[in-house]
Full PDB file with SEQRES, HELIX, SHEET, SSBOND, CRYST1, ORIGX, SCALE, CONECT and MASTER records, all heavy atoms in Angstrom:
SEQRES   1 A   43  HIS ILE LEU LEU PRO PHE MET ILE LEU PRO MET TYR SER          
SEQRES   2 A   43  VAL MET SER THR ILE PRO LYS THR TYR VAL ARG ALA SER          
SEQRES   3 A   43  LYS SER LEU GLY ALA THR ASP TRP THR THR PHE TRP ARG          
SEQRES   4 A   43  VAL TYR PHE PRO                                              
HELIX    1 AA1 LEU A    4  MET A   15  1                                  12    
HELIX    2 AA2 LYS A   20  SER A   28  1                                   9    
HELIX    3 AA3 ASP A   33  THR A   36  1                                   4    
HELIX    4 AA4 PHE A   37  TYR A   41  3                                   5    
CRYST1    1.000    1.000    1.000  90.00  90.00  90.00 P 1           1          
ORIGX1      1.000000  0.000000  0.000000        0.00000                         
ORIGX2      0.000000  1.000000  0.000000        0.00000                         
ORIGX3      0.000000  0.000000  1.000000        0.00000                         
SCALE1      1.000000  0.000000  0.000000        0.00000                         
SCALE2      0.000000  1.000000  0.000000        0.00000                         
SCALE3      0.000000  0.000000  1.000000        0.00000                         
ATOM      1  N   HIS A   1      80.090  94.632  72.848  1.00  0.00           N  
ATOM      2  CA  HIS A   1      80.375  94.171  71.479  1.00  0.00           C  
ATOM      3  C   HIS A   1      80.337  95.336  70.492  1.00  0.00           C  
ATOM      4  O   HIS A   1      81.178  95.436  69.590  1.00  0.00           O  
ATOM      5  CB  HIS A   1      79.354  93.103  71.082  1.00  0.00           C  
ATOM      6  CG  HIS A   1      79.379  92.765  69.626  1.00  0.00           C  
ATOM      7  ND1 HIS A   1      78.358  93.104  68.763  1.00  0.00           N  
ATOM      8  CD2 HIS A   1      80.319  92.145  68.868  1.00  0.00           C  
ATOM      9  CE1 HIS A   1      78.655  92.685  67.543  1.00  0.00           C  
ATOM     10  NE2 HIS A   1      79.838  92.104  67.579  1.00  0.00           N  
ATOM     11  N   ILE A   2      79.380  96.235  70.669  1.00  0.00           N  
ATOM     12  CA  ILE A   2      79.224  97.344  69.722  1.00  0.00           C  
ATOM     13  C   ILE A   2      80.345  98.371  69.872  1.00  0.00           C  
ATOM     14  O   ILE A   2      80.856  98.902  68.876  1.00  0.00           O  
ATOM     15  CB  ILE A   2      77.839  98.006  69.933  1.00  0.00           C  
ATOM     16  CG1 ILE A   2      76.736  97.052  69.449  1.00  0.00           C  
ATOM     17  CG2 ILE A   2      77.754  99.341  69.190  1.00  0.00           C  
ATOM     18  CD1 ILE A   2      75.348  97.489  69.838  1.00  0.00           C  
ATOM     19  N   LEU A   3      80.766  98.637  71.103  1.00  0.00           N  
ATOM     20  CA  LEU A   3      81.755  99.692  71.355  1.00  0.00           C  
ATOM     21  C   LEU A   3      83.186  99.182  71.399  1.00  0.00           C  
ATOM     22  O   LEU A   3      84.115  99.998  71.490  1.00  0.00           O  
ATOM     23  CB  LEU A   3      81.426 100.410  72.665  1.00  0.00           C  
ATOM     24  CG  LEU A   3      80.073 101.133  72.716  1.00  0.00           C  
ATOM     25  CD1 LEU A   3      79.845 101.739  74.088  1.00  0.00           C  
ATOM     26  CD2 LEU A   3      79.991 102.212  71.647  1.00  0.00           C  
ATOM     27  N   LEU A   4      83.389  97.883  71.335  1.00  0.00           N  
ATOM     28  CA  LEU A   4      84.744  97.332  71.434  1.00  0.00           C  
ATOM     29  C   LEU A   4      85.701  97.876  70.369  1.00  0.00           C  
ATOM     30  O   LEU A   4      86.862  98.195  70.689  1.00  0.00           O  
ATOM     31  CB  LEU A   4      84.683  95.797  71.373  1.00  0.00           C  
ATOM     32  CG  LEU A   4      85.990  95.050  71.640  1.00  0.00           C  
ATOM     33  CD1 LEU A   4      86.548  95.421  73.012  1.00  0.00           C  
ATOM     34  CD2 LEU A   4      85.765  93.539  71.546  1.00  0.00           C  
ATOM     35  N   PRO A   5      85.287  98.012  69.106  1.00  0.00           N  
ATOM     36  CA  PRO A   5      86.219  98.574  68.108  1.00  0.00           C  
ATOM     37  C   PRO A   5      86.701  99.984  68.463  1.00  0.00           C  
ATOM     38  O   PRO A   5      87.838 100.348  68.127  1.00  0.00           O  
ATOM     39  CB  PRO A   5      85.398  98.576  66.820  1.00  0.00           C  
ATOM     40  CG  PRO A   5      84.381  97.512  67.015  1.00  0.00           C  
ATOM     41  CD  PRO A   5      84.038  97.550  68.463  1.00  0.00           C  
ATOM     42  N   PHE A   6      85.838 100.773  69.134  1.00  0.00           N  
ATOM     43  CA  PHE A   6      86.251 102.125  69.513  1.00  0.00           C  
ATOM     44  C   PHE A   6      87.338 102.110  70.594  1.00  0.00           C  
ATOM     45  O   PHE A   6      88.016 103.111  70.796  1.00  0.00           O  
ATOM     46  CB  PHE A   6      85.040 102.922  70.023  1.00  0.00           C  
ATOM     47  CG  PHE A   6      84.004 103.180  68.971  1.00  0.00           C  
ATOM     48  CD1 PHE A   6      82.870 102.386  68.883  1.00  0.00           C  
ATOM     49  CD2 PHE A   6      84.161 104.209  68.062  1.00  0.00           C  
ATOM     50  CE1 PHE A   6      81.909 102.618  67.911  1.00  0.00           C  
ATOM     51  CE2 PHE A   6      83.208 104.453  67.092  1.00  0.00           C  
ATOM     52  CZ  PHE A   6      82.085 103.646  67.004  1.00  0.00           C  
ATOM     53  N   MET A   7      87.479 101.004  71.288  1.00  0.00           N  
ATOM     54  CA  MET A   7      88.551 100.850  72.261  1.00  0.00           C  
ATOM     55  C   MET A   7      89.808 100.280  71.612  1.00  0.00           C  
ATOM     56  O   MET A   7      90.934 100.702  71.918  1.00  0.00           O  
ATOM     57  CB  MET A   7      88.094  99.944  73.410  1.00  0.00           C  
ATOM     58  CG  MET A   7      89.134  99.728  74.501  1.00  0.00           C  
ATOM     59  SD  MET A   7      89.520 101.223  75.428  1.00  0.00           S  
ATOM     60  CE  MET A   7      88.028 101.354  76.417  1.00  0.00           C  
ATOM     61  N   ILE A   8      89.628  99.335  70.710  1.00  0.00           N  
ATOM     62  CA  ILE A   8      90.782  98.673  70.089  1.00  0.00           C  
ATOM     63  C   ILE A   8      91.578  99.633  69.213  1.00  0.00           C  
ATOM     64  O   ILE A   8      92.816  99.653  69.261  1.00  0.00           O  
ATOM     65  CB  ILE A   8      90.316  97.450  69.278  1.00  0.00           C  
ATOM     66  CG1 ILE A   8      89.742  96.383  70.208  1.00  0.00           C  
ATOM     67  CG2 ILE A   8      91.471  96.870  68.452  1.00  0.00           C  
ATOM     68  CD1 ILE A   8      89.148  95.187  69.495  1.00  0.00           C  
ATOM     69  N   LEU A   9      90.890 100.441  68.431  1.00  0.00           N  
ATOM     70  CA  LEU A   9      91.579 101.294  67.458  1.00  0.00           C  
ATOM     71  C   LEU A   9      92.533 102.292  68.115  1.00  0.00           C  
ATOM     72  O   LEU A   9      93.697 102.401  67.703  1.00  0.00           O  
ATOM     73  CB  LEU A   9      90.552 102.008  66.574  1.00  0.00           C  
ATOM     74  CG  LEU A   9      89.769 101.095  65.619  1.00  0.00           C  
ATOM     75  CD1 LEU A   9      88.710 101.889  64.877  1.00  0.00           C  
ATOM     76  CD2 LEU A   9      90.702 100.416  64.637  1.00  0.00           C  
ATOM     77  N   PRO A  10      92.126 103.063  69.152  1.00  0.00           N  
ATOM     78  CA  PRO A  10      93.096 103.967  69.787  1.00  0.00           C  
ATOM     79  C   PRO A  10      94.253 103.228  70.459  1.00  0.00           C  
ATOM     80  O   PRO A  10      95.406 103.675  70.382  1.00  0.00           O  
ATOM     81  CB  PRO A  10      92.253 104.719  70.825  1.00  0.00           C  
ATOM     82  CG  PRO A  10      90.851 104.578  70.381  1.00  0.00           C  
ATOM     83  CD  PRO A  10      90.766 103.250  69.721  1.00  0.00           C  
ATOM     84  N   MET A  11      93.959 102.086  71.098  1.00  0.00           N  
ATOM     85  CA  MET A  11      95.033 101.348  71.762  1.00  0.00           C  
ATOM     86  C   MET A  11      96.013 100.779  70.735  1.00  0.00           C  
ATOM     87  O   MET A  11      97.232 100.831  70.921  1.00  0.00           O  
ATOM     88  CB  MET A  11      94.450 100.231  72.632  1.00  0.00           C  
ATOM     89  CG  MET A  11      93.747 100.744  73.879  1.00  0.00           C  
ATOM     90  SD  MET A  11      93.456  99.480  75.147  1.00  0.00           S  
ATOM     91  CE  MET A  11      92.334  98.402  74.276  1.00  0.00           C  
ATOM     92  N   TYR A  12      95.479 100.258  69.646  1.00  0.00           N  
ATOM     93  CA  TYR A  12      96.366  99.723  68.597  1.00  0.00           C  
ATOM     94  C   TYR A  12      97.209 100.833  67.991  1.00  0.00           C  
ATOM     95  O   TYR A  12      98.407 100.652  67.708  1.00  0.00           O  
ATOM     96  CB  TYR A  12      95.526  99.045  67.515  1.00  0.00           C  
ATOM     97  CG  TYR A  12      96.311  98.731  66.261  1.00  0.00           C  
ATOM     98  CD1 TYR A  12      97.251  97.714  66.230  1.00  0.00           C  
ATOM     99  CD2 TYR A  12      96.109  99.481  65.102  1.00  0.00           C  
ATOM    100  CE1 TYR A  12      97.970  97.429  65.079  1.00  0.00           C  
ATOM    101  CE2 TYR A  12      96.823  99.218  63.954  1.00  0.00           C  
ATOM    102  CZ  TYR A  12      97.757  98.194  63.947  1.00  0.00           C  
ATOM    103  OH  TYR A  12      98.466  97.935  62.807  1.00  0.00           O  
ATOM    104  N   SER A  13      96.586 102.011  67.797  1.00  0.00           N  
ATOM    105  CA  SER A  13      97.322 103.132  67.203  1.00  0.00           C  
ATOM    106  C   SER A  13      98.496 103.548  68.074  1.00  0.00           C  
ATOM    107  O   SER A  13      99.584 103.863  67.574  1.00  0.00           O  
ATOM    108  CB  SER A  13      96.365 104.308  66.995  1.00  0.00           C  
ATOM    109  OG  SER A  13      97.025 105.401  66.424  1.00  0.00           O  
ATOM    110  N   VAL A  14      98.331 103.531  69.401  1.00  0.00           N  
ATOM    111  CA  VAL A  14      99.406 103.905  70.321  1.00  0.00           C  
ATOM    112  C   VAL A  14     100.427 102.775  70.442  1.00  0.00           C  
ATOM    113  O   VAL A  14     101.638 103.005  70.415  1.00  0.00           O  
ATOM    114  CB  VAL A  14      98.818 104.267  71.697  1.00  0.00           C  
ATOM    115  CG1 VAL A  14      99.939 104.439  72.731  1.00  0.00           C  
ATOM    116  CG2 VAL A  14      97.995 105.548  71.608  1.00  0.00           C  
ATOM    117  N   MET A  15      99.946 101.550  70.571  1.00  0.00           N  
ATOM    118  CA  MET A  15     100.862 100.408  70.742  1.00  0.00           C  
ATOM    119  C   MET A  15     101.771 100.208  69.542  1.00  0.00           C  
ATOM    120  O   MET A  15     102.924  99.788  69.681  1.00  0.00           O  
ATOM    121  CB  MET A  15     100.056  99.135  71.002  1.00  0.00           C  
ATOM    122  CG  MET A  15      99.382  99.084  72.354  1.00  0.00           C  
ATOM    123  SD  MET A  15      98.403  97.577  72.548  1.00  0.00           S  
ATOM    124  CE  MET A  15      97.721  97.818  74.179  1.00  0.00           C  
ATOM    125  N   SER A  16     101.266 100.503  68.359  1.00  0.00           N  
ATOM    126  CA  SER A  16     102.082 100.301  67.160  1.00  0.00           C  
ATOM    127  C   SER A  16     103.246 101.287  67.085  1.00  0.00           C  
ATOM    128  O   SER A  16     104.175 101.092  66.296  1.00  0.00           O  
ATOM    129  CB  SER A  16     101.210 100.436  65.903  1.00  0.00           C  
ATOM    130  OG  SER A  16     100.642 101.739  65.834  1.00  0.00           O  
ATOM    131  N   THR A  17     103.209 102.355  67.895  1.00  0.00           N  
ATOM    132  CA  THR A  17     104.301 103.332  67.893  1.00  0.00           C  
ATOM    133  C   THR A  17     105.330 103.059  68.993  1.00  0.00           C  
ATOM    134  O   THR A  17     106.339 103.755  69.062  1.00  0.00           O  
ATOM    135  CB  THR A  17     103.741 104.758  68.088  1.00  0.00           C  
ATOM    136  OG1 THR A  17     103.109 104.850  69.372  1.00  0.00           O  
ATOM    137  CG2 THR A  17     102.726 105.104  67.000  1.00  0.00           C  
ATOM    138  N   ILE A  18     105.071 102.070  69.859  1.00  0.00           N  
ATOM    139  CA  ILE A  18     106.019 101.749  70.933  1.00  0.00           C  
ATOM    140  C   ILE A  18     107.209 100.989  70.332  1.00  0.00           C  
ATOM    141  O   ILE A  18     107.024  99.918  69.736  1.00  0.00           O  
ATOM    142  CB  ILE A  18     105.345 100.903  72.030  1.00  0.00           C  
ATOM    143  CG1 ILE A  18     104.179 101.674  72.661  1.00  0.00           C  
ATOM    144  CG2 ILE A  18     106.360 100.496  73.099  1.00  0.00           C  
ATOM    145  CD1 ILE A  18     103.387 100.881  73.681  1.00  0.00           C  
ATOM    146  N   PRO A  19     108.419 101.491  70.455  1.00  0.00           N  
ATOM    147  CA  PRO A  19     109.579 100.798  69.871  1.00  0.00           C  
ATOM    148  C   PRO A  19     109.785  99.416  70.502  1.00  0.00           C  
ATOM    149  O   PRO A  19     109.807  99.275  71.729  1.00  0.00           O  
ATOM    150  CB  PRO A  19     110.758 101.726  70.188  1.00  0.00           C  
ATOM    151  CG  PRO A  19     110.132 103.064  70.457  1.00  0.00           C  
ATOM    152  CD  PRO A  19     108.810 102.765  71.069  1.00  0.00           C  
ATOM    153  N   LYS A  20     109.941  98.410  69.656  1.00  0.00           N  
ATOM    154  CA  LYS A  20     110.150  97.053  70.158  1.00  0.00           C  
ATOM    155  C   LYS A  20     111.524  96.902  70.793  1.00  0.00           C  
ATOM    156  O   LYS A  20     111.772  95.944  71.545  1.00  0.00           O  
ATOM    157  CB  LYS A  20     109.974  96.056  69.016  1.00  0.00           C  
ATOM    158  CG  LYS A  20     108.543  96.009  68.484  1.00  0.00           C  
ATOM    159  CD  LYS A  20     108.426  95.019  67.351  1.00  0.00           C  
ATOM    160  CE  LYS A  20     106.964  94.880  66.910  1.00  0.00           C  
ATOM    161  NZ  LYS A  20     106.359  96.130  66.498  1.00  0.00           N  
ATOM    162  N   THR A  21     112.421  97.815  70.512  1.00  0.00           N  
ATOM    163  CA  THR A  21     113.765  97.730  71.100  1.00  0.00           C  
ATOM    164  C   THR A  21     113.736  97.912  72.606  1.00  0.00           C  
ATOM    165  O   THR A  21     114.606  97.406  73.312  1.00  0.00           O  
ATOM    166  CB  THR A  21     114.675  98.796  70.464  1.00  0.00           C  
ATOM    167  OG1 THR A  21     114.050 100.085  70.610  1.00  0.00           O  
ATOM    168  CG2 THR A  21     114.904  98.512  68.987  1.00  0.00           C  
ATOM    169  N   TYR A  22     112.700  98.631  73.118  1.00  0.00           N  
ATOM    170  CA  TYR A  22     112.589  98.817  74.555  1.00  0.00           C  
ATOM    171  C   TYR A  22     112.369  97.483  75.261  1.00  0.00           C  
ATOM    172  O   TYR A  22     112.939  97.210  76.317  1.00  0.00           O  
ATOM    173  CB  TYR A  22     111.441  99.768  74.897  1.00  0.00           C  
ATOM    174  CG  TYR A  22     111.671 101.198  74.502  1.00  0.00           C  
ATOM    175  CD1 TYR A  22     112.846 101.598  73.874  1.00  0.00           C  
ATOM    176  CD2 TYR A  22     110.709 102.174  74.752  1.00  0.00           C  
ATOM    177  CE1 TYR A  22     113.053 102.921  73.512  1.00  0.00           C  
ATOM    178  CE2 TYR A  22     110.908 103.493  74.393  1.00  0.00           C  
ATOM    179  CZ  TYR A  22     112.091 103.854  73.759  1.00  0.00           C  
ATOM    180  OH  TYR A  22     112.286 105.157  73.410  1.00  0.00           O  
ATOM    181  N   VAL A  23     111.514  96.656  74.648  1.00  0.00           N  
ATOM    182  CA  VAL A  23     111.218  95.352  75.236  1.00  0.00           C  
ATOM    183  C   VAL A  23     112.461  94.463  75.202  1.00  0.00           C  
ATOM    184  O   VAL A  23     112.801  93.788  76.179  1.00  0.00           O  
ATOM    185  CB  VAL A  23     110.045  94.685  74.492  1.00  0.00           C  
ATOM    186  CG1 VAL A  23     109.811  93.267  75.018  1.00  0.00           C  
ATOM    187  CG2 VAL A  23     108.780  95.525  74.633  1.00  0.00           C  
ATOM    188  N   ARG A  24     113.148  94.460  74.057  1.00  0.00           N  
ATOM    189  CA  ARG A  24     114.352  93.626  73.948  1.00  0.00           C  
ATOM    190  C   ARG A  24     115.437  94.107  74.912  1.00  0.00           C  
ATOM    191  O   ARG A  24     116.128  93.311  75.542  1.00  0.00           O  
ATOM    192  CB  ARG A  24     114.873  93.648  72.507  1.00  0.00           C  
ATOM    193  CG  ARG A  24     113.963  92.918  71.523  1.00  0.00           C  
ATOM    194  CD  ARG A  24     114.704  92.635  70.219  1.00  0.00           C  
ATOM    195  NE  ARG A  24     115.052  93.866  69.512  1.00  0.00           N  
ATOM    196  CZ  ARG A  24     114.288  94.428  68.590  1.00  0.00           C  
ATOM    197  NH1 ARG A  24     113.110  93.866  68.265  1.00  0.00           N  
ATOM    198  NH2 ARG A  24     114.669  95.537  67.989  1.00  0.00           N  
ATOM    199  N   ALA A  25     115.554  95.418  75.079  1.00  0.00           N  
ATOM    200  CA  ALA A  25     116.558  95.949  76.000  1.00  0.00           C  
ATOM    201  C   ALA A  25     116.243  95.557  77.436  1.00  0.00           C  
ATOM    202  O   ALA A  25     117.145  95.208  78.219  1.00  0.00           O  
ATOM    203  CB  ALA A  25     116.620  97.461  75.874  1.00  0.00           C  
ATOM    204  N   SER A  26     114.972  95.559  77.800  1.00  0.00           N  
ATOM    205  CA  SER A  26     114.582  95.183  79.152  1.00  0.00           C  
ATOM    206  C   SER A  26     114.907  93.723  79.433  1.00  0.00           C  
ATOM    207  O   SER A  26     115.434  93.382  80.494  1.00  0.00           O  
ATOM    208  CB  SER A  26     113.088  95.442  79.348  1.00  0.00           C  
ATOM    209  OG  SER A  26     112.651  94.993  80.612  1.00  0.00           O  
ATOM    210  N   LYS A  27     114.596  92.872  78.467  1.00  0.00           N  
ATOM    211  CA  LYS A  27     114.878  91.443  78.653  1.00  0.00           C  
ATOM    212  C   LYS A  27     116.376  91.177  78.682  1.00  0.00           C  
ATOM    213  O   LYS A  27     116.846  90.299  79.426  1.00  0.00           O  
ATOM    214  CB  LYS A  27     114.213  90.636  77.551  1.00  0.00           C  
ATOM    215  CG  LYS A  27     112.697  90.611  77.637  1.00  0.00           C  
ATOM    216  CD  LYS A  27     112.080  89.747  76.548  1.00  0.00           C  
ATOM    217  CE  LYS A  27     110.565  89.685  76.688  1.00  0.00           C  
ATOM    218  NZ  LYS A  27     109.946  88.839  75.630  1.00  0.00           N  
ATOM    219  N   SER A  28     117.120  91.946  77.891  1.00  0.00           N  
ATOM    220  CA  SER A  28     118.566  91.740  77.877  1.00  0.00           C  
ATOM    221  C   SER A  28     119.212  92.131  79.199  1.00  0.00           C  
ATOM    222  O   SER A  28     120.312  91.662  79.526  1.00  0.00           O  
ATOM    223  CB  SER A  28     119.201  92.533  76.728  1.00  0.00           C  
ATOM    224  OG  SER A  28     119.106  93.930  76.980  1.00  0.00           O  
ATOM    225  N   LEU A  29     118.533  92.971  79.949  1.00  0.00           N  
ATOM    226  CA  LEU A  29     119.045  93.379  81.257  1.00  0.00           C  
ATOM    227  C   LEU A  29     118.562  92.456  82.375  1.00  0.00           C  
ATOM    228  O   LEU A  29     118.798  92.730  83.547  1.00  0.00           O  
ATOM    229  CB  LEU A  29     118.607  94.817  81.557  1.00  0.00           C  
ATOM    230  CG  LEU A  29     119.236  95.893  80.663  1.00  0.00           C  
ATOM    231  CD1 LEU A  29     118.623  97.245  80.954  1.00  0.00           C  
ATOM    232  CD2 LEU A  29     120.745  95.941  80.875  1.00  0.00           C  
ATOM    233  N   GLY A  30     117.874  91.388  82.000  1.00  0.00           N  
ATOM    234  CA  GLY A  30     117.493  90.371  82.965  1.00  0.00           C  
ATOM    235  C   GLY A  30     116.081  90.442  83.472  1.00  0.00           C  
ATOM    236  O   GLY A  30     115.708  89.666  84.371  1.00  0.00           O  
ATOM    237  N   ALA A  31     115.248  91.326  82.946  1.00  0.00           N  
ATOM    238  CA  ALA A  31     113.864  91.429  83.408  1.00  0.00           C  
ATOM    239  C   ALA A  31     113.041  90.262  82.888  1.00  0.00           C  
ATOM    240  O   ALA A  31     113.261  89.766  81.784  1.00  0.00           O  
ATOM    241  CB  ALA A  31     113.247  92.746  82.944  1.00  0.00           C  
ATOM    242  N   THR A  32     112.083  89.809  83.686  1.00  0.00           N  
ATOM    243  CA  THR A  32     111.179  88.748  83.246  1.00  0.00           C  
ATOM    244  C   THR A  32     110.167  89.321  82.268  1.00  0.00           C  
ATOM    245  O   THR A  32     110.037  90.541  82.097  1.00  0.00           O  
ATOM    246  CB  THR A  32     110.435  88.152  84.450  1.00  0.00           C  
ATOM    247  OG1 THR A  32     109.635  89.185  85.056  1.00  0.00           O  
ATOM    248  CG2 THR A  32     111.423  87.593  85.470  1.00  0.00           C  
ATOM    249  N   ASP A  33     109.401  88.417  81.640  1.00  0.00           N  
ATOM    250  CA  ASP A  33     108.378  88.867  80.683  1.00  0.00           C  
ATOM    251  C   ASP A  33     107.347  89.768  81.368  1.00  0.00           C  
ATOM    252  O   ASP A  33     106.921  90.786  80.814  1.00  0.00           O  
ATOM    253  CB  ASP A  33     107.686  87.660  80.055  1.00  0.00           C  
ATOM    254  CG  ASP A  33     108.600  86.909  79.096  1.00  0.00           C  
ATOM    255  OD1 ASP A  33     109.615  87.490  78.681  1.00  0.00           O  
ATOM    256  OD2 ASP A  33     108.285  85.751  78.777  1.00  0.00           O  
ATOM    257  N   TRP A  34     106.919  89.382  82.599  1.00  0.00           N  
ATOM    258  CA  TRP A  34     105.918  90.186  83.304  1.00  0.00           C  
ATOM    259  C   TRP A  34     106.470  91.557  83.683  1.00  0.00           C  
ATOM    260  O   TRP A  34     105.805  92.577  83.500  1.00  0.00           O  
ATOM    261  CB  TRP A  34     105.432  89.445  84.537  1.00  0.00           C  
ATOM    262  CG  TRP A  34     104.591  90.295  85.441  1.00  0.00           C  
ATOM    263  CD1 TRP A  34     104.908  90.792  86.648  1.00  0.00           C  
ATOM    264  CD2 TRP A  34     103.270  90.776  85.153  1.00  0.00           C  
ATOM    265  NE1 TRP A  34     103.886  91.555  87.165  1.00  0.00           N  
ATOM    266  CE2 TRP A  34     102.850  91.561  86.256  1.00  0.00           C  
ATOM    267  CE3 TRP A  34     102.408  90.626  84.065  1.00  0.00           C  
ATOM    268  CZ2 TRP A  34     101.618  92.171  86.314  1.00  0.00           C  
ATOM    269  CZ3 TRP A  34     101.173  91.237  84.121  1.00  0.00           C  
ATOM    270  CH2 TRP A  34     100.781  92.012  85.227  1.00  0.00           C  
ATOM    271  N   THR A  35     107.692  91.574  84.205  1.00  0.00           N  
ATOM    272  CA  THR A  35     108.303  92.846  84.576  1.00  0.00           C  
ATOM    273  C   THR A  35     108.484  93.738  83.360  1.00  0.00           C  
ATOM    274  O   THR A  35     108.245  94.956  83.419  1.00  0.00           O  
ATOM    275  CB  THR A  35     109.658  92.608  85.261  1.00  0.00           C  
ATOM    276  OG1 THR A  35     109.469  91.771  86.411  1.00  0.00           O  
ATOM    277  CG2 THR A  35     110.287  93.922  85.694  1.00  0.00           C  
ATOM    278  N   THR A  36     108.893  93.139  82.269  1.00  0.00           N  
ATOM    279  CA  THR A  36     109.064  93.908  81.031  1.00  0.00           C  
ATOM    280  C   THR A  36     107.741  94.526  80.591  1.00  0.00           C  
ATOM    281  O   THR A  36     107.679  95.709  80.224  1.00  0.00           O  
ATOM    282  CB  THR A  36     109.620  93.004  79.924  1.00  0.00           C  
ATOM    283  OG1 THR A  36     110.897  92.519  80.325  1.00  0.00           O  
ATOM    284  CG2 THR A  36     109.747  93.769  78.616  1.00  0.00           C  
ATOM    285  N   PHE A  37     106.694  93.710  80.647  1.00  0.00           N  
ATOM    286  CA  PHE A  37     105.385  94.228  80.238  1.00  0.00           C  
ATOM    287  C   PHE A  37     104.905  95.332  81.181  1.00  0.00           C  
ATOM    288  O   PHE A  37     104.490  96.398  80.744  1.00  0.00           O  
ATOM    289  CB  PHE A  37     104.372  93.083  80.189  1.00  0.00           C  
ATOM    290  CG  PHE A  37     102.958  93.547  80.013  1.00  0.00           C  
ATOM    291  CD1 PHE A  37     102.498  93.962  78.770  1.00  0.00           C  
ATOM    292  CD2 PHE A  37     102.083  93.605  81.097  1.00  0.00           C  
ATOM    293  CE1 PHE A  37     101.191  94.410  78.616  1.00  0.00           C  
ATOM    294  CE2 PHE A  37     100.778  94.050  80.944  1.00  0.00           C  
ATOM    295  CZ  PHE A  37     100.343  94.454  79.706  1.00  0.00           C  
ATOM    296  N   TRP A  38     104.976  95.059  82.484  1.00  0.00           N  
ATOM    297  CA  TRP A  38     104.378  95.971  83.465  1.00  0.00           C  
ATOM    298  C   TRP A  38     105.194  97.245  83.656  1.00  0.00           C  
ATOM    299  O   TRP A  38     104.627  98.317  83.846  1.00  0.00           O  
ATOM    300  CB  TRP A  38     104.201  95.234  84.782  1.00  0.00           C  
ATOM    301  CG  TRP A  38     103.459  96.024  85.812  1.00  0.00           C  
ATOM    302  CD1 TRP A  38     103.932  96.540  86.968  1.00  0.00           C  
ATOM    303  CD2 TRP A  38     102.077  96.398  85.749  1.00  0.00           C  
ATOM    304  NE1 TRP A  38     102.943  97.204  87.646  1.00  0.00           N  
ATOM    305  CE2 TRP A  38     101.779  97.139  86.915  1.00  0.00           C  
ATOM    306  CE3 TRP A  38     101.066  96.176  84.814  1.00  0.00           C  
ATOM    307  CZ2 TRP A  38     100.531  97.648  87.174  1.00  0.00           C  
ATOM    308  CZ3 TRP A  38      99.816  96.687  85.069  1.00  0.00           C  
ATOM    309  CH2 TRP A  38      99.541  97.426  86.239  1.00  0.00           C  
ATOM    310  N   ARG A  39     106.511  97.160  83.575  1.00  0.00           N  
ATOM    311  CA  ARG A  39     107.364  98.313  83.859  1.00  0.00           C  
ATOM    312  C   ARG A  39     107.760  99.085  82.608  1.00  0.00           C  
ATOM    313  O   ARG A  39     108.101 100.270  82.695  1.00  0.00           O  
ATOM    314  CB  ARG A  39     108.623  97.851  84.601  1.00  0.00           C  
ATOM    315  CG  ARG A  39     108.371  97.173  85.935  1.00  0.00           C  
ATOM    316  CD  ARG A  39     107.951  98.148  86.998  1.00  0.00           C  
ATOM    317  NE  ARG A  39     109.002  99.128  87.258  1.00  0.00           N  
ATOM    318  CZ  ARG A  39     110.013  98.932  88.088  1.00  0.00           C  
ATOM    319  NH1 ARG A  39     110.120  97.779  88.752  1.00  0.00           N  
ATOM    320  NH2 ARG A  39     110.922  99.877  88.283  1.00  0.00           N  
ATOM    321  N   VAL A  40     107.744  98.418  81.455  1.00  0.00           N  
ATOM    322  CA  VAL A  40     108.234  99.059  80.231  1.00  0.00           C  
ATOM    323  C   VAL A  40     107.120  99.280  79.208  1.00  0.00           C  
ATOM    324  O   VAL A  40     106.904 100.400  78.735  1.00  0.00           O  
ATOM    325  CB  VAL A  40     109.369  98.225  79.596  1.00  0.00           C  
ATOM    326  CG1 VAL A  40     109.826  98.851  78.279  1.00  0.00           C  
ATOM    327  CG2 VAL A  40     110.534  98.077  80.558  1.00  0.00           C  
ATOM    328  N   TYR A  41     106.375  98.202  78.892  1.00  0.00           N  
ATOM    329  CA  TYR A  41     105.413  98.286  77.792  1.00  0.00           C  
ATOM    330  C   TYR A  41     104.105  98.961  78.223  1.00  0.00           C  
ATOM    331  O   TYR A  41     103.614  99.874  77.552  1.00  0.00           O  
ATOM    332  CB  TYR A  41     105.116  96.878  77.267  1.00  0.00           C  
ATOM    333  CG  TYR A  41     104.327  96.873  75.983  1.00  0.00           C  
ATOM    334  CD1 TYR A  41     104.964  96.954  74.748  1.00  0.00           C  
ATOM    335  CD2 TYR A  41     102.940  96.798  76.000  1.00  0.00           C  
ATOM    336  CE1 TYR A  41     104.231  96.950  73.561  1.00  0.00           C  
ATOM    337  CE2 TYR A  41     102.204  96.806  74.829  1.00  0.00           C  
ATOM    338  CZ  TYR A  41     102.861  96.883  73.618  1.00  0.00           C  
ATOM    339  OH  TYR A  41     102.129  96.886  72.448  1.00  0.00           O  
ATOM    340  N   PHE A  42     103.551  98.515  79.344  1.00  0.00           N  
ATOM    341  CA  PHE A  42     102.231  99.011  79.762  1.00  0.00           C  
ATOM    342  C   PHE A  42     102.185 100.529  79.968  1.00  0.00           C  
ATOM    343  O   PHE A  42     101.238 101.182  79.511  1.00  0.00           O  
ATOM    344  CB  PHE A  42     101.768  98.280  81.022  1.00  0.00           C  
ATOM    345  CG  PHE A  42     100.406  98.702  81.494  1.00  0.00           C  
ATOM    346  CD1 PHE A  42      99.262  98.246  80.859  1.00  0.00           C  
ATOM    347  CD2 PHE A  42     100.264  99.585  82.558  1.00  0.00           C  
ATOM    348  CE1 PHE A  42      98.005  98.651  81.289  1.00  0.00           C  
ATOM    349  CE2 PHE A  42      99.012  99.984  82.991  1.00  0.00           C  
ATOM    350  CZ  PHE A  42      97.880  99.514  82.350  1.00  0.00           C  
ATOM    351  N   PRO A  43     103.172 101.130  80.667  1.00  0.00           N  
ATOM    352  CA  PRO A  43     103.102 102.594  80.847  1.00  0.00           C  
ATOM    353  C   PRO A  43     103.040 103.368  79.540  1.00  0.00           C  
ATOM    354  O   PRO A  43     102.404 104.427  79.474  1.00  0.00           O  
ATOM    355  CB  PRO A  43     104.387 102.909  81.621  1.00  0.00           C  
ATOM    356  CG  PRO A  43     104.710 101.644  82.337  1.00  0.00           C  
ATOM    357  CD  PRO A  43     104.310 100.547  81.396  1.00  0.00           C  
TER     358      PRO A  43                                                      
MASTER        0    0    0    4    0    0    0    6  357    1    0    4          
END                                                                             
């Protein structure tokens, strides 16, 4: 509970810079939500 904010802040800072167009492009090419997340967003 005490250290959780120290994990959220760096992850949020990086995630907010990931272009949302990558996710839309993946789905438009037929990828499922899980594949899009695991192959495009998570890395």
